[in-house]
Amino acid sequence: MSKIKNISESLRRNINNNLFERFGSRFCIEAQKSPISHQLAAGVMINKKLAGRVCCNTLSNNDCCGSLHAEANAITSYFGRNLSFDKHRNKWCLKGYYPQCEET
């Protein structure tokens, strides 16, 4: 429990107290699920509301990288199949928002 307390104190210094009170424990619990030594969690927030699920950093089954950062995991979870990695351009692409994504 002291590990969560240390993480919580660190988070509290970096984000709005109200947001921390609402979401901090969910992020801490999710971060502890990570199989990687640097246990991190992230989520997509819109207008101070959690828009998707909270995700931790994890080992990836993706060809583009060996691990998936918590932020990338949350973004891919939120956008789903509309988000893909273009190996030829070496960048993430959001279908339906940018015409060049449809050219692959």
N, C-alpha and C. Protein backbone atom coordinates (compact mmCIF):
# COMPACT_ATOMS: atom_id res chain seq x y z
N MET A 1 0.82 -1.20 0.00
CA MET A 1 0.00 0.00 0.00
C MET A 1 0.87 1.26 0.00
N SER A 2 2.08 1.17 0.57
CA SER A 2 2.95 2.36 0.59
C SER A 2 3.40 2.75 -0.81
N LYS A 3 3.51 1.75 -1.72
CA LYS A 3 3.88 2.04 -3.10
C LYS A 3 2.80 2.90 -3.76
N ILE A 4 1.53 2.56 -3.53
CA ILE A 4 0.43 3.36 -4.08
C ILE A 4 0.46 4.76 -3.48
N LYS A 5 0.77 4.87 -2.19
CA LYS A 5 0.82 6.18 -1.55
C LYS A 5 1.91 7.05 -2.18
N ASN A 6 3.09 6.47 -2.44
CA ASN A 6 4.19 7.22 -3.07
C ASN A 6 3.81 7.66 -4.48
N ILE A 7 3.18 6.76 -5.24
CA ILE A 7 2.74 7.10 -6.59
C ILE A 7 1.69 8.21 -6.51
N SER A 8 0.76 8.07 -5.58
CA SER A 8 -0.31 9.05 -5.43
C SER A 8 0.24 10.43 -5.11
N GLU A 9 1.20 10.50 -4.22
CA GLU A 9 1.79 11.80 -3.87
C GLU A 9 2.49 12.43 -5.06
N SER A 10 3.18 11.62 -5.85
CA SER A 10 3.85 12.12 -7.05
C SER A 10 2.84 12.65 -8.06
N LEU A 11 1.76 11.91 -8.28
CA LEU A 11 0.72 12.35 -9.21
C LEU A 11 0.06 13.64 -8.75
N ARG A 12 -0.20 13.73 -7.47
CA ARG A 12 -0.89 14.90 -6.92
C ARG A 12 -0.12 16.19 -7.20
N ARG A 13 1.19 16.10 -7.20
CA ARG A 13 2.00 17.30 -7.46
C ARG A 13 1.89 17.74 -8.92
N ASN A 14 1.54 16.82 -9.81
CA ASN A 14 1.58 17.11 -11.24
C ASN A 14 0.24 17.35 -11.91
N ILE A 15 -0.87 17.04 -11.26
CA ILE A 15 -2.17 17.25 -11.88
C ILE A 15 -3.11 17.97 -10.94
N ASN A 16 -4.17 18.47 -11.49
CA ASN A 16 -5.21 19.15 -10.74
C ASN A 16 -5.74 18.24 -9.64
N ASN A 17 -5.88 18.77 -8.40
CA ASN A 17 -6.34 17.97 -7.27
C ASN A 17 -7.70 17.34 -7.50
N ASN A 18 -8.62 18.06 -8.12
CA ASN A 18 -9.95 17.50 -8.36
C ASN A 18 -9.88 16.31 -9.32
N LEU A 19 -9.08 16.42 -10.36
CA LEU A 19 -8.91 15.30 -11.28
C LEU A 19 -8.25 14.13 -10.59
N PHE A 20 -7.29 14.42 -9.73
CA PHE A 20 -6.63 13.35 -9.00
C PHE A 20 -7.61 12.61 -8.10
N GLU A 21 -8.44 13.35 -7.39
CA GLU A 21 -9.41 12.72 -6.49
C GLU A 21 -10.37 11.83 -7.27
N ARG A 22 -10.75 12.24 -8.48
CA ARG A 22 -11.70 11.47 -9.28
C ARG A 22 -11.08 10.25 -9.95
N PHE A 23 -9.84 10.38 -10.42
CA PHE A 23 -9.28 9.33 -11.27
C PHE A 23 -7.98 8.71 -10.78
N GLY A 24 -7.33 9.29 -9.82
CA GLY A 24 -6.00 8.85 -9.39
C GLY A 24 -5.90 7.38 -9.03
N SER A 25 -6.85 6.89 -8.25
CA SER A 25 -6.79 5.50 -7.81
C SER A 25 -6.94 4.54 -9.00
N ARG A 26 -7.77 4.88 -9.97
CA ARG A 26 -7.94 4.02 -11.15
C ARG A 26 -6.64 3.92 -11.94
N PHE A 27 -5.93 5.05 -12.07
CA PHE A 27 -4.66 5.03 -12.79
C PHE A 27 -3.60 4.24 -12.02
N CYS A 28 -3.56 4.38 -10.72
CA CYS A 28 -2.58 3.66 -9.90
C CYS A 28 -2.81 2.15 -9.97
N ILE A 29 -4.06 1.73 -9.87
CA ILE A 29 -4.39 0.31 -9.93
C ILE A 29 -4.03 -0.27 -11.29
N GLU A 30 -4.35 0.46 -12.36
CA GLU A 30 -4.03 -0.03 -13.72
C GLU A 30 -2.52 -0.09 -13.93
N ALA A 31 -1.78 0.89 -13.43
CA ALA A 31 -0.32 0.91 -13.61
C ALA A 31 0.32 -0.33 -12.99
N GLN A 32 -0.22 -0.79 -11.90
CA GLN A 32 0.35 -1.97 -11.22
C GLN A 32 0.13 -3.25 -12.01
N LYS A 33 -0.73 -3.25 -13.00
CA LYS A 33 -0.97 -4.42 -13.85
C LYS A 33 0.09 -4.58 -14.93
N SER A 34 0.91 -3.57 -15.13
CA SER A 34 1.91 -3.59 -16.20
C SER A 34 2.98 -4.65 -15.94
N PRO A 35 3.34 -5.44 -16.96
CA PRO A 35 4.40 -6.43 -16.81
C PRO A 35 5.81 -5.83 -16.95
N ILE A 36 5.87 -4.53 -17.23
CA ILE A 36 7.15 -3.85 -17.44
C ILE A 36 7.59 -3.21 -16.12
N SER A 37 8.89 -3.08 -15.91
CA SER A 37 9.40 -2.54 -14.64
C SER A 37 8.96 -1.10 -14.37
N HIS A 38 8.83 -0.29 -15.40
CA HIS A 38 8.33 1.08 -15.21
C HIS A 38 6.81 1.04 -15.40
N GLN A 39 6.10 0.88 -14.32
CA GLN A 39 4.65 0.70 -14.38
C GLN A 39 3.95 2.05 -14.50
N LEU A 40 3.36 2.28 -15.67
CA LEU A 40 2.69 3.55 -15.97
C LEU A 40 1.28 3.29 -16.48
N ALA A 41 0.42 4.29 -16.35
CA ALA A 41 -0.94 4.18 -16.88
C ALA A 41 -1.34 5.51 -17.51
N ALA A 42 -2.25 5.43 -18.48
CA ALA A 42 -2.74 6.64 -19.16
C ALA A 42 -4.17 6.40 -19.62
N GLY A 43 -4.84 7.50 -19.92
CA GLY A 43 -6.20 7.42 -20.44
C GLY A 43 -6.49 8.65 -21.27
N VAL A 44 -7.43 8.55 -22.17
CA VAL A 44 -7.85 9.68 -22.99
C VAL A 44 -8.90 10.45 -22.21
N MET A 45 -8.64 11.75 -22.03
CA MET A 45 -9.60 12.60 -21.32
C MET A 45 -10.06 13.71 -22.25
N ILE A 46 -11.35 13.97 -22.23
CA ILE A 46 -11.94 15.04 -23.02
C ILE A 46 -12.78 15.89 -22.07
N ASN A 47 -12.45 17.18 -22.01
CA ASN A 47 -13.14 18.11 -21.11
C ASN A 47 -13.17 17.61 -19.67
N LYS A 48 -12.04 17.15 -19.18
CA LYS A 48 -11.85 16.67 -17.81
C LYS A 48 -12.70 15.45 -17.48
N LYS A 49 -13.08 14.69 -18.52
CA LYS A 49 -13.82 13.45 -18.32
C LYS A 49 -13.06 12.34 -19.01
N LEU A 50 -13.01 11.19 -18.37
CA LEU A 50 -12.34 10.05 -18.95
C LEU A 50 -13.17 9.52 -20.10
N ALA A 51 -12.61 9.57 -21.32
CA ALA A 51 -13.35 9.21 -22.53
C ALA A 51 -13.18 7.73 -22.89
N GLY A 52 -12.11 7.13 -22.49
CA GLY A 52 -11.85 5.73 -22.80
C GLY A 52 -11.44 5.00 -21.55
N ARG A 53 -10.91 3.83 -21.74
CA ARG A 53 -10.48 3.07 -20.57
C ARG A 53 -9.05 3.46 -20.17
N VAL A 54 -8.70 3.22 -18.93
CA VAL A 54 -7.35 3.47 -18.45
C VAL A 54 -6.50 2.28 -18.86
N CYS A 55 -5.34 2.54 -19.44
CA CYS A 55 -4.46 1.48 -19.94
C CYS A 55 -3.07 1.61 -19.35
N CYS A 56 -2.41 0.47 -19.17
CA CYS A 56 -1.03 0.50 -18.69
C CYS A 56 -0.08 0.27 -19.86
N ASN A 57 1.20 0.49 -19.62
CA ASN A 57 2.19 0.15 -20.64
C ASN A 57 2.34 -1.36 -20.64
N THR A 58 2.55 -1.92 -21.81
CA THR A 58 2.54 -3.37 -21.95
C THR A 58 3.45 -3.82 -23.07
N LEU A 59 3.75 -5.10 -23.09
CA LEU A 59 4.48 -5.66 -24.21
C LEU A 59 3.53 -5.66 -25.40
N SER A 60 4.06 -5.40 -26.57
CA SER A 60 3.21 -5.23 -27.76
C SER A 60 3.24 -6.45 -28.66
N ASN A 61 2.13 -6.72 -29.29
CA ASN A 61 2.06 -7.73 -30.34
C ASN A 61 2.18 -7.07 -31.70
N ASN A 62 2.49 -5.78 -31.68
CA ASN A 62 2.52 -4.95 -32.87
C ASN A 62 3.90 -5.03 -33.53
N ASP A 63 3.96 -4.99 -34.83
CA ASP A 63 5.23 -5.06 -35.56
C ASP A 63 6.07 -3.80 -35.41
N CYS A 64 5.44 -2.67 -35.02
CA CYS A 64 6.17 -1.40 -35.05
C CYS A 64 7.05 -1.19 -33.83
N CYS A 65 6.75 -1.85 -32.73
CA CYS A 65 7.54 -1.59 -31.52
C CYS A 65 7.46 -2.78 -30.58
N GLY A 66 8.46 -2.91 -29.71
CA GLY A 66 8.53 -4.02 -28.77
C GLY A 66 7.60 -3.86 -27.59
N SER A 67 7.34 -2.63 -27.19
CA SER A 67 6.40 -2.40 -26.10
C SER A 67 5.48 -1.24 -26.48
N LEU A 68 4.38 -1.17 -25.81
CA LEU A 68 3.41 -0.13 -26.09
C LEU A 68 3.33 0.79 -24.87
N HIS A 69 3.71 2.04 -25.05
CA HIS A 69 3.64 3.00 -23.95
C HIS A 69 2.19 3.12 -23.50
N ALA A 70 2.00 3.49 -22.24
CA ALA A 70 0.65 3.62 -21.70
C ALA A 70 -0.17 4.61 -22.52
N GLU A 71 0.45 5.69 -22.96
CA GLU A 71 -0.26 6.71 -23.74
C GLU A 71 -0.72 6.13 -25.08
N ALA A 72 0.17 5.42 -25.76
CA ALA A 72 -0.18 4.82 -27.05
C ALA A 72 -1.24 3.74 -26.87
N ASN A 73 -1.15 2.99 -25.79
CA ASN A 73 -2.13 1.96 -25.50
C ASN A 73 -3.51 2.58 -25.29
N ALA A 74 -3.58 3.68 -24.55
CA ALA A 74 -4.86 4.36 -24.31
C ALA A 74 -5.43 4.94 -25.60
N ILE A 75 -4.57 5.52 -26.42
CA ILE A 75 -5.02 6.12 -27.69
C ILE A 75 -5.51 5.04 -28.65
N THR A 76 -4.78 3.93 -28.78
CA THR A 76 -5.23 2.86 -29.67
C THR A 76 -6.51 2.21 -29.15
N SER A 77 -6.64 2.14 -27.84
CA SER A 77 -7.87 1.60 -27.25
C SER A 77 -9.06 2.51 -27.57
N TYR A 78 -8.85 3.82 -27.48
CA TYR A 78 -9.93 4.79 -27.71
C TYR A 78 -10.36 4.84 -29.18
N PHE A 79 -9.38 4.90 -30.09
CA PHE A 79 -9.70 5.05 -31.51
C PHE A 79 -9.93 3.72 -32.22
N GLY A 80 -9.51 2.62 -31.64
CA GLY A 80 -9.77 1.29 -32.19
C GLY A 80 -9.21 1.10 -33.58
N ARG A 81 -10.02 0.52 -34.45
CA ARG A 81 -9.57 0.18 -35.81
C ARG A 81 -9.35 1.39 -36.70
N ASN A 82 -9.79 2.56 -36.27
CA ASN A 82 -9.56 3.77 -37.07
C ASN A 82 -8.11 4.22 -37.00
N LEU A 83 -7.37 3.70 -36.05
CA LEU A 83 -5.97 4.08 -35.89
C LEU A 83 -5.10 2.91 -36.33
N SER A 84 -4.17 3.19 -37.21
CA SER A 84 -3.26 2.14 -37.67
C SER A 84 -1.86 2.72 -37.83
N PHE A 85 -0.88 1.84 -37.87
CA PHE A 85 0.50 2.27 -38.06
C PHE A 85 0.89 2.03 -39.51
N ASP A 86 1.29 3.08 -40.19
CA ASP A 86 1.72 3.00 -41.58
C ASP A 86 3.23 2.75 -41.60
N LYS A 87 3.63 1.52 -41.93
CA LYS A 87 5.05 1.16 -41.94
C LYS A 87 5.85 1.92 -42.99
N HIS A 88 5.21 2.25 -44.12
CA HIS A 88 5.91 2.95 -45.20
C HIS A 88 6.19 4.40 -44.83
N ARG A 89 5.27 5.03 -44.14
CA ARG A 89 5.46 6.42 -43.70
C ARG A 89 6.05 6.51 -42.30
N ASN A 90 6.08 5.36 -41.60
CA ASN A 90 6.61 5.28 -40.24
C ASN A 90 5.90 6.24 -39.28
N LYS A 91 4.55 6.20 -39.34
CA LYS A 91 3.77 7.06 -38.45
C LYS A 91 2.38 6.48 -38.23
N TRP A 92 1.73 6.94 -37.17
CA TRP A 92 0.36 6.55 -36.87
C TRP A 92 -0.58 7.32 -37.78
N CYS A 93 -1.67 6.68 -38.16
CA CYS A 93 -2.61 7.27 -39.10
C CYS A 93 -4.04 7.04 -38.60
N LEU A 94 -4.85 8.10 -38.58
CA LEU A 94 -6.22 8.03 -38.12
C LEU A 94 -7.16 8.08 -39.32
N LYS A 95 -7.75 6.95 -39.66
CA LYS A 95 -8.63 6.85 -40.83
C LYS A 95 -9.92 7.63 -40.59
N GLY A 96 -10.45 8.20 -41.66
CA GLY A 96 -11.69 8.96 -41.56
C GLY A 96 -11.46 10.42 -41.23
N TYR A 97 -10.25 10.77 -40.81
CA TYR A 97 -9.93 12.15 -40.48
C TYR A 97 -8.93 12.76 -41.44
N TYR A 98 -8.10 11.93 -42.03
CA TYR A 98 -7.08 12.41 -42.94
C TYR A 98 -7.13 11.58 -44.22
N PRO A 99 -7.39 12.20 -45.38
CA PRO A 99 -7.50 11.44 -46.64
C PRO A 99 -6.27 10.61 -46.97
N GLN A 100 -5.10 11.08 -46.60
CA GLN A 100 -3.89 10.33 -46.94
C GLN A 100 -3.84 8.97 -46.22
N CYS A 101 -4.61 8.79 -45.16
CA CYS A 101 -4.65 7.50 -44.46
C CYS A 101 -5.35 6.45 -45.29
N GLU A 102 -6.23 6.85 -46.16
CA GLU A 102 -7.00 5.91 -46.96
C GLU A 102 -6.21 5.40 -48.15
N GLU A 103 -5.03 6.00 -48.42
CA GLU A 103 -4.24 5.65 -49.60
C GLU A 103 -3.38 4.44 -49.42
N THR A 104 -3.37 3.80 -48.27
CA THR A 104 -2.44 2.69 -48.00
C THR A 104 -2.83 1.41 -48.68
